[in-house]
Amino acid sequence: MSHTRPIDLDTAVKNRTRALSVLIEDVYQAHNAASIIRTCDHHGIQDLHVVETRNRFNWPEPPLPADFVDTTEGAWRRVTIHRYQPADTTALTALMNGFKQEGYRIAATSLRPGYVELTECTMDEKLLLCFGTEEHGLSETLHAAADVAVRIPMFGMTQSLNVSVSVALCLHELRRKLEAGPLDWALDAAEQRQLKATWSGEA
């Protein structure tokens, strides 16, 4: 459902951020992938990191099927998708340590003891928000690598949500906190120029 007219290209580029990024692990269903990509684009998230350990990311080969294109509304052209296929737990741990070296705090969405509510999660440093499948959740390795476990507040008896719904709820809350917080979250001028050129077909 659309309530407003789309924003213009310049505004969309200025709204883009890498201070808040999303990682999904073993999410393979095409409809979930398409919805997550679209949700990232909607919230100005530039980077989607896809970890493939148990399952391969079901990314359709060109020409992309019409239902995938319709679901993403072109977002797959605007979100940078990074795919990783770590050979073992050591490689996955090294990958997560790499994100930490880039200044990211790792947040695992989880129902495990010790979590903080999403509403209590702060955005005073860069955050990589991690999601697993509805059936299995995140792997033990990724849980161990996380700096914090985050839970979406629940008010009913249902304890699990579709992963694309979870991504949407989390990004809506954290994008608001990002803009209200202390981080310089926008892309730098060079990145904005490159992104604008790419989106407009001039790159």
Protein backbone atom coordinates (compact mmCIF):
# COMPACT_ATOMS: atom_id res chain seq x y z
CA MET A 1 0.00 0.00 0.00
CA SER A 2 1.39 3.38 -0.99
CA HIS A 3 0.45 6.48 1.01
CA THR A 4 2.80 9.05 -0.53
CA ARG A 5 4.46 9.79 -3.81
CA PRO A 6 7.96 8.33 -4.24
CA ILE A 7 10.80 10.62 -3.18
CA ASP A 8 13.15 11.98 -5.82
CA LEU A 9 16.55 10.52 -6.69
CA ASP A 10 18.60 13.15 -4.88
CA THR A 11 16.66 12.69 -1.65
CA ALA A 12 16.84 8.89 -1.86
CA VAL A 13 20.62 9.02 -2.25
CA LYS A 14 20.99 11.43 0.68
CA ASN A 15 18.88 9.08 2.83
CA ARG A 16 21.12 6.09 2.09
CA THR A 17 23.20 4.62 4.89
CA ARG A 18 25.76 1.95 5.67
CA ALA A 19 25.67 2.70 9.40
CA LEU A 20 22.80 0.21 9.70
CA SER A 21 23.11 -2.95 7.64
CA VAL A 22 21.29 -6.28 7.45
CA LEU A 23 22.66 -9.82 7.39
CA ILE A 24 20.50 -12.85 6.63
CA GLU A 25 21.69 -16.42 7.18
CA ASP A 26 20.33 -19.33 5.13
CA VAL A 27 17.24 -17.47 3.93
CA TYR A 28 16.59 -19.16 0.62
CA GLN A 29 12.93 -18.66 -0.31
CA ALA A 30 12.69 -16.25 -3.25
CA HIS A 31 9.61 -14.46 -1.92
CA ASN A 32 11.32 -13.78 1.42
CA ALA A 33 14.48 -12.62 -0.31
CA ALA A 34 12.52 -10.26 -2.55
CA SER A 35 10.58 -8.81 0.38
CA ILE A 36 13.74 -8.27 2.44
CA ILE A 37 15.48 -6.49 -0.44
CA ARG A 38 12.48 -4.23 -0.91
CA THR A 39 12.31 -3.51 2.83
CA CYS A 40 16.00 -2.58 2.92
CA ASP A 41 15.51 -0.20 0.02
CA HIS A 42 12.46 1.36 1.67
CA HIS A 43 14.47 2.12 4.82
CA GLY A 44 17.52 3.44 2.95
CA ILE A 45 19.72 0.46 3.82
CA GLN A 46 22.44 0.13 1.20
CA ASP A 47 24.03 -3.21 2.12
CA LEU A 48 22.38 -6.60 2.49
CA HIS A 49 24.78 -9.37 3.51
CA VAL A 50 23.71 -12.91 2.64
CA VAL A 51 25.41 -15.84 4.40
CA GLU A 52 24.85 -19.24 2.80
CA THR A 53 25.84 -22.17 5.01
CA ARG A 54 23.02 -24.74 5.13
CA ASN A 55 21.04 -23.23 2.25
CA ARG A 56 21.93 -21.41 -0.95
CA PHE A 57 20.31 -18.04 -1.53
CA ASN A 58 17.58 -18.61 -4.10
CA TRP A 59 18.49 -15.66 -6.29
CA PRO A 60 16.83 -16.09 -9.69
CA GLU A 61 19.08 -15.96 -12.72
CA PRO A 62 18.42 -13.37 -15.45
CA PRO A 63 15.99 -12.83 -16.94
CA LEU A 64 14.41 -12.31 -13.54
CA PRO A 65 10.89 -13.75 -13.21
CA ALA A 66 8.06 -11.24 -13.28
CA ASP A 67 6.84 -12.05 -9.75
CA PHE A 68 10.33 -11.39 -8.32
CA VAL A 69 10.62 -8.09 -10.16
CA ASP A 70 7.11 -7.10 -9.05
CA THR A 71 7.79 -7.95 -5.40
CA THR A 72 11.05 -6.02 -5.22
CA GLU A 73 9.72 -3.06 -7.24
CA GLY A 74 13.22 -2.61 -8.66
CA ALA A 75 14.88 -2.58 -5.23
CA TRP A 76 17.29 -5.33 -6.31
CA ARG A 77 18.93 -2.73 -8.57
CA ARG A 78 19.46 -0.29 -5.68
CA VAL A 79 20.51 -2.47 -2.74
CA THR A 80 24.07 -3.81 -2.76
CA ILE A 81 23.87 -7.56 -2.12
CA HIS A 82 26.98 -9.27 -0.73
CA ARG A 83 26.98 -13.08 -0.80
CA TYR A 84 29.22 -15.31 1.35
CA GLN A 85 29.60 -19.09 1.41
CA PRO A 86 31.86 -19.81 4.40
CA ALA A 87 33.37 -23.28 4.22
CA ASP A 88 33.13 -23.93 7.96
CA THR A 89 32.49 -22.33 11.33
CA THR A 90 36.02 -20.93 11.42
CA ALA A 91 35.42 -19.09 8.16
CA LEU A 92 32.07 -17.77 9.42
CA THR A 93 33.68 -16.53 12.64
CA ALA A 94 36.38 -14.80 10.59
CA LEU A 95 33.70 -13.15 8.46
CA MET A 96 31.93 -11.78 11.53
CA ASN A 97 35.21 -10.58 13.02
CA GLY A 98 35.79 -8.70 9.78
CA PHE A 99 32.55 -6.79 10.29
CA LYS A 100 33.65 -5.92 13.82
CA GLN A 101 36.96 -4.62 12.49
CA GLU A 102 34.94 -2.34 10.21
CA GLY A 103 33.34 -0.86 13.32
CA TYR A 104 30.07 -2.79 13.39
CA ARG A 105 28.37 -4.00 16.52
CA ILE A 106 26.74 -7.37 15.75
CA ALA A 107 23.11 -7.77 16.82
CA ALA A 108 21.49 -11.20 16.60
CA THR A 109 17.70 -11.32 16.55
CA SER A 110 16.94 -14.02 19.09
CA LEU A 111 14.62 -15.31 21.82
CA ARG A 112 17.52 -16.68 23.85
CA PRO A 113 18.06 -15.60 27.46
CA GLY A 114 19.98 -12.38 27.84
CA TYR A 115 18.31 -10.53 24.97
CA VAL A 116 17.38 -6.86 25.03
CA GLU A 117 14.11 -5.62 23.61
CA LEU A 118 14.33 -3.99 20.20
CA THR A 119 12.99 -0.78 21.73
CA GLU A 120 16.02 -0.70 24.06
CA CYS A 121 18.59 -1.22 21.30
CA THR A 122 20.72 1.89 20.77
CA MET A 123 22.16 3.34 17.56
CA ASP A 124 25.24 5.09 18.91
CA GLU A 125 27.57 2.96 16.76
CA LYS A 126 27.31 1.13 13.45
CA LEU A 127 25.05 -1.91 13.67
CA LEU A 128 24.83 -5.12 11.66
CA LEU A 129 21.44 -6.67 12.32
CA CYS A 130 21.36 -10.45 11.77
CA PHE A 131 18.39 -12.68 10.95
CA GLY A 132 18.07 -16.43 10.51
CA THR A 133 15.24 -18.53 9.16
CA GLU A 134 11.93 -18.77 10.99
CA GLU A 135 12.44 -22.52 11.41
CA HIS A 136 16.04 -22.65 12.66
CA GLY A 137 16.98 -19.10 13.61
CA LEU A 138 20.64 -18.11 13.50
CA SER A 139 23.46 -20.64 13.73
CA GLU A 140 25.38 -21.22 16.95
CA THR A 141 28.43 -19.65 15.35
CA LEU A 142 26.64 -16.44 14.51
CA HIS A 143 25.02 -16.29 17.94
CA ALA A 144 28.47 -16.64 19.50
CA ALA A 145 29.83 -13.83 17.34
CA ALA A 146 27.05 -11.41 18.30
CA ASP A 147 27.68 -8.54 20.69
CA VAL A 148 24.02 -8.36 21.66
CA ALA A 149 20.84 -10.41 21.21
CA VAL A 150 17.73 -8.45 20.27
CA ARG A 151 14.09 -9.49 20.59
CA ILE A 152 11.09 -7.95 18.85
CA PRO A 153 8.52 -7.15 21.57
CA MET A 154 5.59 -9.58 21.63
CA PHE A 155 2.06 -8.85 22.79
CA GLY A 156 0.33 -12.06 21.74
CA MET A 157 1.02 -15.79 21.91
CA THR A 158 2.84 -16.07 18.57
CA GLN A 159 6.58 -16.26 19.21
CA SER A 160 7.92 -16.31 15.66
CA LEU A 161 7.38 -14.06 12.67
CA ASN A 162 8.14 -14.47 9.01
CA VAL A 163 11.72 -13.31 8.52
CA SER A 164 10.77 -10.56 6.08
CA VAL A 165 8.25 -9.21 8.61
CA SER A 166 10.91 -9.29 11.33
CA VAL A 167 13.30 -7.32 9.12
CA ALA A 168 10.64 -4.70 8.45
CA LEU A 169 9.75 -4.25 12.13
CA CYS A 170 13.38 -3.96 13.19
CA LEU A 171 14.40 -1.54 10.46
CA HIS A 172 11.41 0.71 11.10
CA GLU A 173 12.43 1.06 14.75
CA LEU A 174 16.18 1.31 14.23
CA ARG A 175 16.08 3.71 11.29
CA ARG A 176 14.12 6.12 13.48
CA LYS A 177 16.74 5.76 16.22
CA LEU A 178 19.56 6.17 13.72
CA GLU A 179 18.28 9.54 12.56
CA ALA A 180 17.73 10.72 16.13
CA GLY A 181 21.15 9.53 17.32
CA PRO A 182 24.72 10.85 17.22
CA LEU A 183 26.06 8.93 14.22
CA ASP A 184 27.06 10.60 10.97
CA TRP A 185 25.08 7.96 9.12
CA ALA A 186 24.88 9.33 5.55
CA LEU A 187 27.14 8.17 2.73
CA ASP A 188 30.02 10.50 1.95
CA ALA A 189 29.81 12.83 -1.05
CA ALA A 190 31.79 10.54 -3.36
CA GLU A 191 29.59 7.54 -2.51
CA GLN A 192 26.47 9.60 -3.09
CA ARG A 193 27.69 10.74 -6.50
CA GLN A 194 28.57 7.18 -7.51
CA LEU A 195 25.24 5.85 -6.31
CA LYS A 196 23.31 8.54 -8.14
CA ALA A 197 25.22 7.81 -11.34
CA THR A 198 24.58 4.08 -10.99
CA TRP A 199 20.88 4.48 -10.32
CA SER A 200 20.42 6.93 -13.18
CA GLY A 201 22.29 4.66 -15.60
CA GLU A 202 25.18 7.07 -16.05
CA ALA A 203 27.90 4.95 -14.42
